Amino acid sequence: MRIERIEALYEPCNCGSRCRHFNGGNYHERIYLLQYRGQLYAFYTDTREFFPSDNNTIYVREDGILDIDNTKWVEPLDDPFAPCKQGDMITPITKKDWNKIKKEKLREGWTYYEPFSKKEVSQ
């Protein structure tokens, strides 16, 4: 079963005329609403590219909840979204709590996306 990407929120770029994204030191936050086996998750990450030391992966705990680990003892999900960076976080969330986060971030100027189409919905 794959992780479904439902929605995404991107922090606005405040780099000015000199873009310093990715590994340039000015990373921008991204929050994804994911769904796996009917459970919603908030996945917190940023625009930094992967470093060789990044070996975290999303896996399924014994209780069926998604989590992140960097040990060789977990079975990573066979999903293109499973590899993640050090500092990334995933947590179960309700739709009501996601909507609160979304409302707050949109008020702060974040951009809302429909991830599959990369279509910008509002700013």
N, C-alpha and C. Protein backbone atom coordinates (compact mmCIF):
# COMPACT_ATOMS: atom_id res chain seq x y z
N MET A 1 0.85 -1.18 0.00
CA MET A 1 0.00 0.00 0.00
C MET A 1 0.90 1.25 0.00
N ARG A 2 0.56 2.21 -0.80
CA ARG A 2 1.34 3.44 -0.95
C ARG A 2 0.85 4.54 -0.02
N ILE A 3 1.76 5.46 0.28
CA ILE A 3 1.40 6.66 1.02
C ILE A 3 0.76 7.62 0.03
N GLU A 4 -0.44 8.09 0.35
CA GLU A 4 -1.13 9.02 -0.54
C GLU A 4 -0.88 10.45 -0.08
N ARG A 5 -0.47 11.31 -1.00
CA ARG A 5 -0.29 12.72 -0.71
C ARG A 5 -1.61 13.43 -0.96
N ILE A 6 -2.14 14.06 0.07
CA ILE A 6 -3.46 14.69 -0.02
C ILE A 6 -3.33 16.18 -0.32
N GLU A 7 -2.55 16.89 0.51
CA GLU A 7 -2.38 18.33 0.37
C GLU A 7 -0.95 18.69 0.76
N ALA A 8 -0.55 19.92 0.44
CA ALA A 8 0.78 20.39 0.82
C ALA A 8 0.74 21.88 1.11
N LEU A 9 1.56 22.29 2.07
CA LEU A 9 1.73 23.70 2.40
C LEU A 9 3.21 24.02 2.29
N TYR A 10 3.55 25.10 1.57
CA TYR A 10 4.94 25.50 1.37
C TYR A 10 5.16 26.88 1.98
N GLU A 11 6.19 26.99 2.80
CA GLU A 11 6.58 28.27 3.37
C GLU A 11 7.04 29.19 2.25
N PRO A 12 6.70 30.48 2.31
CA PRO A 12 7.12 31.39 1.24
C PRO A 12 8.63 31.60 1.24
N CYS A 13 9.17 31.86 0.06
CA CYS A 13 10.59 32.14 -0.10
C CYS A 13 10.86 33.58 0.31
N ASN A 14 11.82 33.75 1.20
CA ASN A 14 12.20 35.09 1.63
C ASN A 14 13.70 35.33 1.38
N CYS A 15 14.22 34.69 0.35
CA CYS A 15 15.65 34.76 0.04
C CYS A 15 16.06 36.07 -0.60
N GLY A 16 15.11 36.81 -1.12
CA GLY A 16 15.45 38.05 -1.81
C GLY A 16 15.97 37.76 -3.20
N SER A 17 16.86 38.60 -3.70
CA SER A 17 17.35 38.44 -5.07
C SER A 17 18.35 37.30 -5.21
N ARG A 18 18.89 36.83 -4.10
CA ARG A 18 19.86 35.73 -4.17
C ARG A 18 19.25 34.47 -3.54
N CYS A 19 18.81 33.57 -4.38
CA CYS A 19 18.17 32.34 -3.93
C CYS A 19 19.21 31.46 -3.24
N ARG A 20 18.90 31.03 -2.02
CA ARG A 20 19.82 30.18 -1.28
C ARG A 20 19.09 28.91 -0.83
N HIS A 21 18.30 28.34 -1.68
CA HIS A 21 17.54 27.14 -1.32
C HIS A 21 18.44 25.92 -1.23
N PHE A 22 17.82 24.83 -0.95
CA PHE A 22 18.45 23.52 -0.91
C PHE A 22 19.64 23.54 0.04
N ASN A 23 20.83 23.34 -0.43
CA ASN A 23 21.97 23.22 0.48
C ASN A 23 22.70 24.54 0.66
N GLY A 24 22.06 25.64 0.30
CA GLY A 24 22.67 26.94 0.47
C GLY A 24 22.45 27.54 1.85
N GLY A 25 21.73 26.87 2.69
CA GLY A 25 21.60 27.30 4.06
C GLY A 25 20.29 27.98 4.42
N ASN A 26 19.46 28.34 3.47
CA ASN A 26 18.18 28.96 3.79
C ASN A 26 17.07 28.01 3.35
N TYR A 27 16.75 27.09 4.22
CA TYR A 27 15.76 26.07 3.89
C TYR A 27 14.36 26.57 4.21
N HIS A 28 13.40 26.16 3.42
CA HIS A 28 12.01 26.55 3.62
C HIS A 28 11.20 25.32 4.01
N GLU A 29 10.34 25.51 4.99
CA GLU A 29 9.54 24.41 5.50
C GLU A 29 8.47 23.98 4.50
N ARG A 30 8.15 22.70 4.56
CA ARG A 30 7.03 22.14 3.80
C ARG A 30 6.29 21.18 4.73
N ILE A 31 4.98 21.23 4.65
CA ILE A 31 4.17 20.31 5.44
C ILE A 31 3.22 19.61 4.48
N TYR A 32 3.20 18.28 4.55
CA TYR A 32 2.32 17.48 3.69
C TYR A 32 1.27 16.79 4.55
N LEU A 33 0.05 16.75 4.04
CA LEU A 33 -0.98 15.91 4.62
C LEU A 33 -0.94 14.60 3.85
N LEU A 34 -0.65 13.52 4.56
CA LEU A 34 -0.54 12.20 3.94
C LEU A 34 -1.64 11.30 4.48
N GLN A 35 -1.91 10.26 3.72
CA GLN A 35 -2.86 9.24 4.19
C GLN A 35 -2.26 7.87 3.92
N TYR A 36 -2.36 7.01 4.94
CA TYR A 36 -1.89 5.64 4.80
C TYR A 36 -2.86 4.74 5.55
N ARG A 37 -3.49 3.82 4.83
CA ARG A 37 -4.47 2.89 5.40
C ARG A 37 -5.55 3.61 6.19
N GLY A 38 -6.05 4.72 5.64
CA GLY A 38 -7.16 5.44 6.25
C GLY A 38 -6.76 6.43 7.33
N GLN A 39 -5.52 6.40 7.79
CA GLN A 39 -5.05 7.33 8.83
C GLN A 39 -4.37 8.53 8.18
N LEU A 40 -4.68 9.74 8.66
CA LEU A 40 -4.04 10.96 8.18
C LEU A 40 -2.78 11.24 8.99
N TYR A 41 -1.77 11.82 8.32
CA TYR A 41 -0.51 12.18 8.95
C TYR A 41 -0.07 13.55 8.48
N ALA A 42 0.55 14.30 9.38
CA ALA A 42 1.25 15.53 9.00
C ALA A 42 2.73 15.16 8.90
N PHE A 43 3.33 15.45 7.73
CA PHE A 43 4.74 15.17 7.50
C PHE A 43 5.46 16.50 7.34
N TYR A 44 6.37 16.79 8.26
CA TYR A 44 7.11 18.05 8.29
C TYR A 44 8.50 17.83 7.71
N THR A 45 8.86 18.64 6.71
CA THR A 45 10.16 18.53 6.07
C THR A 45 10.59 19.93 5.61
N ASP A 46 11.64 20.00 4.81
CA ASP A 46 12.09 21.30 4.28
C ASP A 46 12.68 21.10 2.89
N THR A 47 13.21 22.18 2.32
CA THR A 47 13.70 22.14 0.94
C THR A 47 15.14 21.64 0.81
N ARG A 48 15.77 21.29 1.94
CA ARG A 48 17.14 20.82 1.86
C ARG A 48 17.21 19.52 1.06
N GLU A 49 18.24 19.41 0.22
CA GLU A 49 18.47 18.17 -0.50
C GLU A 49 19.02 17.13 0.48
N PHE A 50 19.00 15.88 0.07
CA PHE A 50 19.52 14.82 0.91
C PHE A 50 21.04 14.90 1.01
N PHE A 51 21.56 14.70 2.22
CA PHE A 51 22.99 14.56 2.46
C PHE A 51 23.31 13.07 2.54
N PRO A 52 24.57 12.68 2.30
CA PRO A 52 24.93 11.26 2.40
C PRO A 52 24.60 10.66 3.77
N SER A 53 24.60 11.47 4.80
CA SER A 53 24.30 10.97 6.15
C SER A 53 22.81 10.77 6.41
N ASP A 54 21.96 11.23 5.49
CA ASP A 54 20.52 11.06 5.67
C ASP A 54 20.13 9.63 5.33
N ASN A 55 19.79 8.87 6.34
CA ASN A 55 19.39 7.49 6.10
C ASN A 55 18.10 7.15 6.84
N ASN A 56 17.30 8.17 7.10
CA ASN A 56 16.02 7.94 7.76
C ASN A 56 15.01 7.38 6.76
N THR A 57 14.05 6.66 7.27
CA THR A 57 12.99 6.12 6.42
C THR A 57 11.68 6.05 7.20
N ILE A 58 10.59 6.18 6.48
CA ILE A 58 9.27 5.99 7.08
C ILE A 58 9.00 4.49 7.10
N TYR A 59 8.55 4.01 8.23
CA TYR A 59 8.22 2.59 8.36
C TYR A 59 6.90 2.47 9.13
N VAL A 60 6.35 1.27 9.17
CA VAL A 60 5.11 1.00 9.89
C VAL A 60 5.45 0.32 11.22
N ARG A 61 5.06 0.96 12.32
CA ARG A 61 5.29 0.37 13.64
C ARG A 61 4.39 -0.85 13.82
N GLU A 62 4.62 -1.60 14.88
CA GLU A 62 3.80 -2.79 15.16
C GLU A 62 2.33 -2.44 15.35
N ASP A 63 2.04 -1.22 15.83
CA ASP A 63 0.64 -0.82 16.04
C ASP A 63 -0.01 -0.26 14.77
N GLY A 64 0.73 -0.31 13.63
CA GLY A 64 0.18 0.12 12.35
C GLY A 64 0.37 1.59 12.03
N ILE A 65 0.99 2.35 12.93
CA ILE A 65 1.19 3.79 12.75
C ILE A 65 2.52 4.04 12.03
N LEU A 66 2.54 5.03 11.13
CA LEU A 66 3.78 5.40 10.45
C LEU A 66 4.70 6.15 11.41
N ASP A 67 6.00 5.91 11.27
CA ASP A 67 6.99 6.58 12.09
C ASP A 67 8.27 6.72 11.27
N ILE A 68 9.28 7.41 11.81
CA ILE A 68 10.56 7.60 11.13
C ILE A 68 11.66 6.99 11.99
N ASP A 69 12.58 6.29 11.34
CA ASP A 69 13.70 5.68 12.05
C ASP A 69 14.92 5.70 11.16
N ASN A 70 16.10 5.61 11.75
CA ASN A 70 17.33 5.58 10.96
C ASN A 70 18.19 4.37 11.28
N THR A 71 17.57 3.32 11.80
CA THR A 71 18.34 2.12 12.10
C THR A 71 18.09 1.06 11.04
N LYS A 72 18.96 0.10 10.99
CA LYS A 72 18.79 -0.99 10.03
C LYS A 72 17.79 -2.03 10.50
N TRP A 73 17.19 -1.82 11.67
CA TRP A 73 16.30 -2.82 12.23
C TRP A 73 14.85 -2.66 11.78
N VAL A 74 14.55 -1.59 11.06
CA VAL A 74 13.17 -1.41 10.61
C VAL A 74 13.06 -1.76 9.13
N GLU A 75 11.90 -2.21 8.75
CA GLU A 75 11.61 -2.53 7.36
C GLU A 75 11.02 -1.30 6.70
N PRO A 76 11.77 -0.61 5.82
CA PRO A 76 11.22 0.61 5.21
C PRO A 76 10.05 0.29 4.29
N LEU A 77 9.16 1.23 4.17
CA LEU A 77 8.05 1.08 3.23
C LEU A 77 8.58 1.10 1.80
N ASP A 78 7.98 0.30 0.96
CA ASP A 78 8.32 0.31 -0.46
C ASP A 78 7.50 1.43 -1.10
N ASP A 79 7.94 2.65 -0.87
CA ASP A 79 7.20 3.81 -1.32
C ASP A 79 8.19 4.91 -1.66
N PRO A 80 8.01 5.61 -2.78
CA PRO A 80 8.96 6.67 -3.13
C PRO A 80 9.01 7.81 -2.11
N PHE A 81 8.00 7.93 -1.26
CA PHE A 81 7.97 9.00 -0.26
C PHE A 81 8.66 8.58 1.04
N ALA A 82 9.04 7.30 1.17
CA ALA A 82 9.55 6.78 2.44
C ALA A 82 10.91 7.34 2.87
N PRO A 83 11.90 7.50 1.96
CA PRO A 83 13.18 8.05 2.44
C PRO A 83 13.00 9.49 2.93
N CYS A 84 13.62 9.81 4.05
CA CYS A 84 13.50 11.17 4.56
C CYS A 84 14.80 11.63 5.21
N LYS A 85 14.84 12.91 5.51
CA LYS A 85 16.06 13.54 6.01
C LYS A 85 16.06 13.59 7.53
N GLN A 86 17.23 13.76 8.08
CA GLN A 86 17.35 13.98 9.50
C GLN A 86 16.59 15.26 9.85
N GLY A 87 15.78 15.21 10.87
CA GLY A 87 14.99 16.38 11.25
C GLY A 87 13.56 16.33 10.74
N ASP A 88 13.27 15.48 9.76
CA ASP A 88 11.90 15.32 9.30
C ASP A 88 11.06 14.69 10.42
N MET A 89 9.77 14.95 10.39
CA MET A 89 8.88 14.43 11.43
C MET A 89 7.56 14.02 10.80
N ILE A 90 6.99 12.93 11.30
CA ILE A 90 5.66 12.50 10.85
C ILE A 90 4.83 12.20 12.10
N THR A 91 3.57 12.65 12.06
CA THR A 91 2.71 12.43 13.22
C THR A 91 1.26 12.24 12.76
N PRO A 92 0.53 11.32 13.40
CA PRO A 92 -0.90 11.20 13.08
C PRO A 92 -1.62 12.51 13.37
N ILE A 93 -2.63 12.82 12.57
CA ILE A 93 -3.35 14.08 12.72
C ILE A 93 -4.80 13.87 12.30
N THR A 94 -5.68 14.67 12.87
CA THR A 94 -7.08 14.65 12.44
C THR A 94 -7.27 15.70 11.34
N LYS A 95 -8.31 15.56 10.57
CA LYS A 95 -8.62 16.54 9.52
C LYS A 95 -8.88 17.91 10.15
N LYS A 96 -9.53 17.92 11.32
CA LYS A 96 -9.82 19.17 12.02
C LYS A 96 -8.52 19.88 12.40
N ASP A 97 -7.56 19.14 12.95
CA ASP A 97 -6.27 19.75 13.34
C ASP A 97 -5.48 20.20 12.11
N TRP A 98 -5.54 19.41 11.02
CA TRP A 98 -4.87 19.82 9.78
C TRP A 98 -5.46 21.14 9.28
N ASN A 99 -6.77 21.26 9.32
CA ASN A 99 -7.41 22.48 8.84
C ASN A 99 -7.00 23.69 9.68
N LYS A 100 -6.78 23.50 10.98
CA LYS A 100 -6.29 24.59 11.84
C LYS A 100 -4.89 25.01 11.40
N ILE A 101 -4.01 24.03 11.17
CA ILE A 101 -2.65 24.33 10.71
C ILE A 101 -2.69 25.04 9.37
N LYS A 102 -3.51 24.51 8.45
CA LYS A 102 -3.61 25.11 7.12
C LYS A 102 -4.09 26.55 7.19
N LYS A 103 -5.10 26.82 8.00
CA LYS A 103 -5.63 28.17 8.14
C LYS A 103 -4.55 29.12 8.67
N GLU A 104 -3.82 28.68 9.68
CA GLU A 104 -2.75 29.50 10.27
C GLU A 104 -1.63 29.77 9.27
N LYS A 105 -1.20 28.74 8.55
CA LYS A 105 -0.10 28.90 7.59
C LYS A 105 -0.51 29.77 6.40
N LEU A 106 -1.73 29.63 5.93
CA LEU A 106 -2.20 30.49 4.84
C LEU A 106 -2.26 31.95 5.28
N ARG A 107 -2.63 32.17 6.53
CA ARG A 107 -2.65 33.53 7.07
C ARG A 107 -1.23 34.11 7.13
N GLU A 108 -0.21 33.23 7.30
CA GLU A 108 1.19 33.65 7.34
C GLU A 108 1.80 33.78 5.94
N GLY A 109 1.00 33.52 4.89
CA GLY A 109 1.49 33.69 3.53
C GLY A 109 2.01 32.43 2.86
N TRP A 110 1.81 31.27 3.49
CA TRP A 110 2.24 30.02 2.88
C TRP A 110 1.37 29.73 1.65
N THR A 111 1.85 28.83 0.79
CA THR A 111 1.11 28.45 -0.41
C THR A 111 0.55 27.04 -0.23
N TYR A 112 -0.67 26.87 -0.68
CA TYR A 112 -1.36 25.58 -0.60
C TYR A 112 -1.32 24.91 -1.97
N TYR A 113 -0.95 23.64 -2.00
CA TYR A 113 -0.86 22.89 -3.26
C TYR A 113 -1.69 21.62 -3.21
N GLU A 114 -2.16 21.24 -4.38
CA GLU A 114 -2.66 19.89 -4.59
C GLU A 114 -1.46 19.13 -5.13
N PRO A 115 -0.80 18.31 -4.32
CA PRO A 115 0.50 17.74 -4.69
C PRO A 115 0.56 16.98 -6.00
N PHE A 116 -0.46 16.23 -6.36
CA PHE A 116 -0.33 15.42 -7.57
C PHE A 116 -0.25 16.27 -8.82
N SER A 117 -1.00 17.37 -8.85
CA SER A 117 -0.98 18.22 -10.04
C SER A 117 0.01 19.36 -9.90
N LYS A 118 0.54 19.56 -8.67
CA LYS A 118 1.40 20.70 -8.37
C LYS A 118 0.69 22.01 -8.68
N LYS A 119 -0.61 21.95 -8.64
CA LYS A 119 -1.44 23.12 -8.94
C LYS A 119 -1.53 24.00 -7.69
N GLU A 120 -1.14 25.25 -7.84
CA GLU A 120 -1.26 26.19 -6.74
C GLU A 120 -2.72 26.56 -6.59
N VAL A 121 -3.26 26.43 -5.39
CA VAL A 121 -4.66 26.69 -5.18
C VAL A 121 -4.88 28.08 -4.61
N SER A 122 -4.09 28.49 -3.64
CA SER A 122 -4.26 29.82 -3.05
C SER A 122 -2.95 30.25 -2.42
N GLN A 123 -2.86 31.56 -2.19
CA GLN A 123 -1.67 32.08 -1.51
C GLN A 123 -2.07 32.83 -0.27
